[in-house]
Amino acid sequence: MKSKTYSWILLIALSLIWGSSFILMKRGLEAFSSDQVAAMRISIAFVTLIPFLIKHYKINLKKYFWGLIWMGVFGNLIPAFLFTASETQISSSLAGMLNALTPLFTVLVGFIWLKNSPSSKQIQYLYLFARTDNYFFHKYYIQNTSIMGDDYDKPSPRNFLHNPYAL
């Protein structure tokens, strides 16, 4: 029972950290440029994760060096700069919703480029995620606000962030 409770606590903590990152990027853009915010995100992540590399150093860096560089550039560096640049034009909640579509694009790239067919369970999860993302996008953006601009901190009767019963 302890491990199940601990797993739920970790999931909730991860959700809060992951979800707040888009709001924090938007707040960072009030004081810094988009490139500065992205560089700070990458630098803070590097400083935070370097102790784990030192403690759990088990991979042959010489063998996998270029693969790790490519993964870092395309999986972290470029998205960090693109997300902060996009948040200068769209709201942080929309950026978070678009980020939620990452698993869908991962499966599509795997299917098209690597010729990997997704399992039926993966398709069910993707359908659930796509439906949930579509629901929030439709409810919040299509019915209530403009996609452009920073609408997450403006209270309104239909804004689900300030009124959870608006859904």
Foldseek 3Di string as FASTA:
>chain_A
DVVVVVVVVVVVVVCVVLLCVLVVLLVVVVPDPLVVSLVVVVVVVCVVCVVVCVVPVDDDCVVCVVVVVVCCCVVRNVVSSVSSVVCVWFASVVSVLVVLCVLVVVQVCCCVPVVDHDDPVSVVVNVVSVVVSVVCCCQADVPPHPRTDHDQPPDDPQRCNVPVVND
